[in-house]
């Protein structure tokens, strides 16, 4: 599912989990991938910046980056 957000808006994690990827990812641009406690993964793509790194643990609604343009 793609959700729209205004440029620069803080993006929060959908749920708690661990960051398994944070960086440039092909057509997705700057991306954060979180594996949640349930095993489900969420991808946050087209970001203008990130505030987390691979291996970080995150809480639900914790800011993981800011929306970019696409």
N, C-alpha and C. Protein backbone atom coordinates (compact mmCIF):
# COMPACT_ATOMS: atom_id res chain seq x y z
N UNK A 1 0.85 -1.15 0.00
CA UNK A 1 0.00 0.00 0.00
C UNK A 1 0.90 1.23 0.00
N UNK A 2 0.62 2.17 -0.85
CA UNK A 2 1.35 3.43 -0.91
C UNK A 2 0.55 4.51 -0.20
N UNK A 3 1.19 5.23 0.69
CA UNK A 3 0.54 6.34 1.39
C UNK A 3 1.27 7.62 1.04
N UNK A 4 0.53 8.67 0.82
CA UNK A 4 1.09 9.96 0.46
C UNK A 4 1.35 10.78 1.72
N UNK A 5 2.44 11.56 1.70
CA UNK A 5 2.76 12.46 2.81
C UNK A 5 3.42 13.70 2.25
N UNK A 6 3.22 14.82 2.90
CA UNK A 6 3.84 16.07 2.48
C UNK A 6 5.36 15.98 2.65
N UNK A 7 6.09 16.60 1.72
CA UNK A 7 7.55 16.59 1.78
C UNK A 7 8.03 17.06 3.16
N UNK A 8 8.95 16.29 3.74
CA UNK A 8 9.54 16.65 5.02
C UNK A 8 8.77 16.19 6.24
N UNK A 9 7.58 15.67 6.04
CA UNK A 9 6.77 15.22 7.17
C UNK A 9 7.44 14.02 7.85
N UNK A 10 7.40 13.99 9.18
CA UNK A 10 7.95 12.85 9.92
C UNK A 10 7.16 11.59 9.61
N UNK A 11 7.88 10.49 9.41
CA UNK A 11 7.27 9.20 9.13
C UNK A 11 7.54 8.29 10.32
N UNK A 12 6.48 7.72 10.88
CA UNK A 12 6.60 6.84 12.05
C UNK A 12 6.46 5.38 11.66
N UNK A 13 7.13 4.52 12.41
CA UNK A 13 7.04 3.08 12.19
C UNK A 13 5.63 2.59 12.48
N UNK A 14 5.15 1.68 11.65
CA UNK A 14 3.81 1.12 11.83
C UNK A 14 3.71 0.27 13.08
N UNK A 15 4.83 -0.28 13.52
CA UNK A 15 4.86 -1.12 14.71
C UNK A 15 6.28 -1.32 15.16
N UNK A 16 6.46 -1.91 16.31
CA UNK A 16 7.81 -2.13 16.82
C UNK A 16 8.51 -3.21 16.00
N UNK A 17 9.84 -3.18 16.00
CA UNK A 17 10.61 -4.17 15.27
C UNK A 17 12.06 -3.76 15.14
N UNK A 18 12.73 -4.36 14.15
CA UNK A 18 14.15 -4.10 13.93
C UNK A 18 14.37 -3.63 12.50
N UNK A 19 15.21 -2.61 12.35
CA UNK A 19 15.57 -2.10 11.02
C UNK A 19 16.50 -3.12 10.37
N UNK A 20 16.07 -3.69 9.23
CA UNK A 20 16.90 -4.67 8.52
C UNK A 20 17.59 -4.05 7.31
N UNK A 21 17.17 -2.84 6.91
CA UNK A 21 17.82 -2.12 5.83
C UNK A 21 17.53 -0.64 5.96
N UNK A 22 18.55 0.18 5.72
CA UNK A 22 18.37 1.63 5.67
C UNK A 22 19.40 2.18 4.68
N UNK A 23 18.91 2.70 3.56
CA UNK A 23 19.81 3.24 2.55
C UNK A 23 19.12 3.34 1.20
N UNK A 24 19.92 3.55 0.15
CA UNK A 24 19.39 3.65 -1.21
C UNK A 24 19.01 2.26 -1.71
N UNK A 25 17.85 2.15 -2.34
CA UNK A 25 17.37 0.86 -2.83
C UNK A 25 16.70 1.04 -4.19
N UNK A 26 17.50 0.98 -5.24
CA UNK A 26 16.99 1.03 -6.61
C UNK A 26 15.94 2.09 -6.83
N UNK A 27 14.82 1.72 -7.45
CA UNK A 27 13.74 2.65 -7.76
C UNK A 27 13.00 3.18 -6.55
N UNK A 28 13.30 2.66 -5.37
CA UNK A 28 12.64 3.13 -4.15
C UNK A 28 13.34 4.35 -3.55
N UNK A 29 14.55 4.65 -4.00
CA UNK A 29 15.30 5.75 -3.41
C UNK A 29 15.70 5.42 -1.98
N UNK A 30 15.78 6.45 -1.16
CA UNK A 30 16.16 6.27 0.25
C UNK A 30 15.05 5.51 0.96
N UNK A 31 15.41 4.36 1.54
CA UNK A 31 14.42 3.40 2.04
C UNK A 31 14.80 2.89 3.43
N UNK A 32 13.80 2.62 4.25
CA UNK A 32 13.96 1.92 5.52
C UNK A 32 13.05 0.69 5.47
N UNK A 33 13.60 -0.47 5.82
CA UNK A 33 12.84 -1.72 5.87
C UNK A 33 12.87 -2.22 7.31
N UNK A 34 11.68 -2.42 7.88
CA UNK A 34 11.57 -2.86 9.27
C UNK A 34 10.91 -4.23 9.31
N UNK A 35 11.54 -5.15 10.05
CA UNK A 35 10.91 -6.44 10.32
C UNK A 35 10.26 -6.34 11.69
N UNK A 36 8.95 -6.51 11.71
CA UNK A 36 8.19 -6.36 12.94
C UNK A 36 8.20 -7.67 13.73
N UNK A 37 7.81 -7.58 14.97
CA UNK A 37 7.84 -8.73 15.88
C UNK A 37 7.05 -9.91 15.34
N UNK A 38 6.05 -9.66 14.51
CA UNK A 38 5.22 -10.72 13.93
C UNK A 38 5.88 -11.40 12.73
N UNK A 39 7.02 -10.84 12.26
CA UNK A 39 7.70 -11.36 11.08
C UNK A 39 7.33 -10.62 9.81
N UNK A 40 6.30 -9.78 9.86
CA UNK A 40 5.90 -8.96 8.71
C UNK A 40 6.93 -7.84 8.54
N UNK A 41 7.23 -7.49 7.29
CA UNK A 41 8.15 -6.39 7.00
C UNK A 41 7.40 -5.24 6.36
N UNK A 42 7.76 -4.01 6.75
CA UNK A 42 7.21 -2.83 6.09
C UNK A 42 8.36 -2.04 5.48
N UNK A 43 8.09 -1.49 4.29
CA UNK A 43 9.08 -0.70 3.57
C UNK A 43 8.60 0.74 3.53
N UNK A 44 9.48 1.64 3.89
CA UNK A 44 9.22 3.08 3.87
C UNK A 44 10.17 3.64 2.82
N UNK A 45 9.64 4.02 1.67
CA UNK A 45 10.47 4.39 0.53
C UNK A 45 10.28 5.86 0.15
N UNK A 46 11.13 6.32 -0.74
CA UNK A 46 11.09 7.70 -1.26
C UNK A 46 11.25 8.72 -0.14
N UNK A 47 12.10 8.40 0.83
CA UNK A 47 12.33 9.29 1.96
C UNK A 47 13.34 10.39 1.59
N UNK A 48 13.26 11.53 2.27
CA UNK A 48 14.25 12.59 2.07
C UNK A 48 15.39 12.44 3.07
N UNK A 49 15.13 11.77 4.20
CA UNK A 49 16.17 11.50 5.20
C UNK A 49 15.71 10.36 6.10
N UNK A 50 16.67 9.76 6.79
CA UNK A 50 16.34 8.71 7.76
C UNK A 50 16.94 9.06 9.11
N UNK A 51 16.33 8.54 10.17
CA UNK A 51 16.83 8.79 11.52
C UNK A 51 17.23 7.48 12.20
N UNK A 52 17.22 6.38 11.44
CA UNK A 52 17.57 5.07 11.97
C UNK A 52 18.62 4.42 11.06
N UNK A 53 19.26 3.38 11.58
CA UNK A 53 20.27 2.64 10.84
C UNK A 53 19.99 1.15 10.96
N UNK A 54 20.54 0.38 10.03
CA UNK A 54 20.39 -1.07 10.07
C UNK A 54 20.80 -1.60 11.44
N UNK A 55 19.95 -2.47 12.00
CA UNK A 55 20.22 -3.05 13.32
C UNK A 55 19.52 -2.34 14.46
N UNK A 56 19.04 -1.12 14.22
CA UNK A 56 18.32 -0.39 15.27
C UNK A 56 16.99 -1.07 15.60
N UNK A 57 16.63 -1.03 16.87
CA UNK A 57 15.28 -1.44 17.29
C UNK A 57 14.42 -0.20 17.31
N UNK A 58 13.17 -0.33 16.87
CA UNK A 58 12.26 0.81 16.85
C UNK A 58 10.96 0.45 17.55
N UNK A 59 10.31 1.46 18.08
CA UNK A 59 9.01 1.32 18.71
C UNK A 59 7.93 1.76 17.74
N UNK A 60 6.72 1.33 17.97
CA UNK A 60 5.59 1.78 17.16
C UNK A 60 5.51 3.30 17.21
N UNK A 61 5.29 3.90 16.05
CA UNK A 61 5.13 5.34 15.87
C UNK A 61 6.44 6.13 16.04
N UNK A 62 7.56 5.45 16.32
CA UNK A 62 8.84 6.15 16.41
C UNK A 62 9.19 6.72 15.04
N UNK A 63 9.69 7.95 14.99
CA UNK A 63 10.10 8.54 13.73
C UNK A 63 11.29 7.80 13.16
N UNK A 64 11.15 7.36 11.90
CA UNK A 64 12.25 6.63 11.24
C UNK A 64 12.82 7.43 10.07
N UNK A 65 12.17 8.54 9.72
CA UNK A 65 12.67 9.37 8.63
C UNK A 65 11.66 10.44 8.28
N UNK A 66 11.95 11.11 7.15
CA UNK A 66 11.07 12.18 6.65
C UNK A 66 10.69 11.88 5.21
N UNK A 67 9.46 12.25 4.86
CA UNK A 67 8.96 12.01 3.51
C UNK A 67 9.76 12.79 2.47
N UNK A 68 9.96 12.15 1.33
CA UNK A 68 10.62 12.79 0.20
C UNK A 68 9.61 13.07 -0.89
N UNK A 69 10.10 13.11 -2.13
CA UNK A 69 9.26 13.36 -3.29
C UNK A 69 9.34 12.18 -4.24
N UNK A 70 8.25 11.88 -4.87
CA UNK A 70 8.25 10.89 -5.95
C UNK A 70 6.97 10.96 -6.71
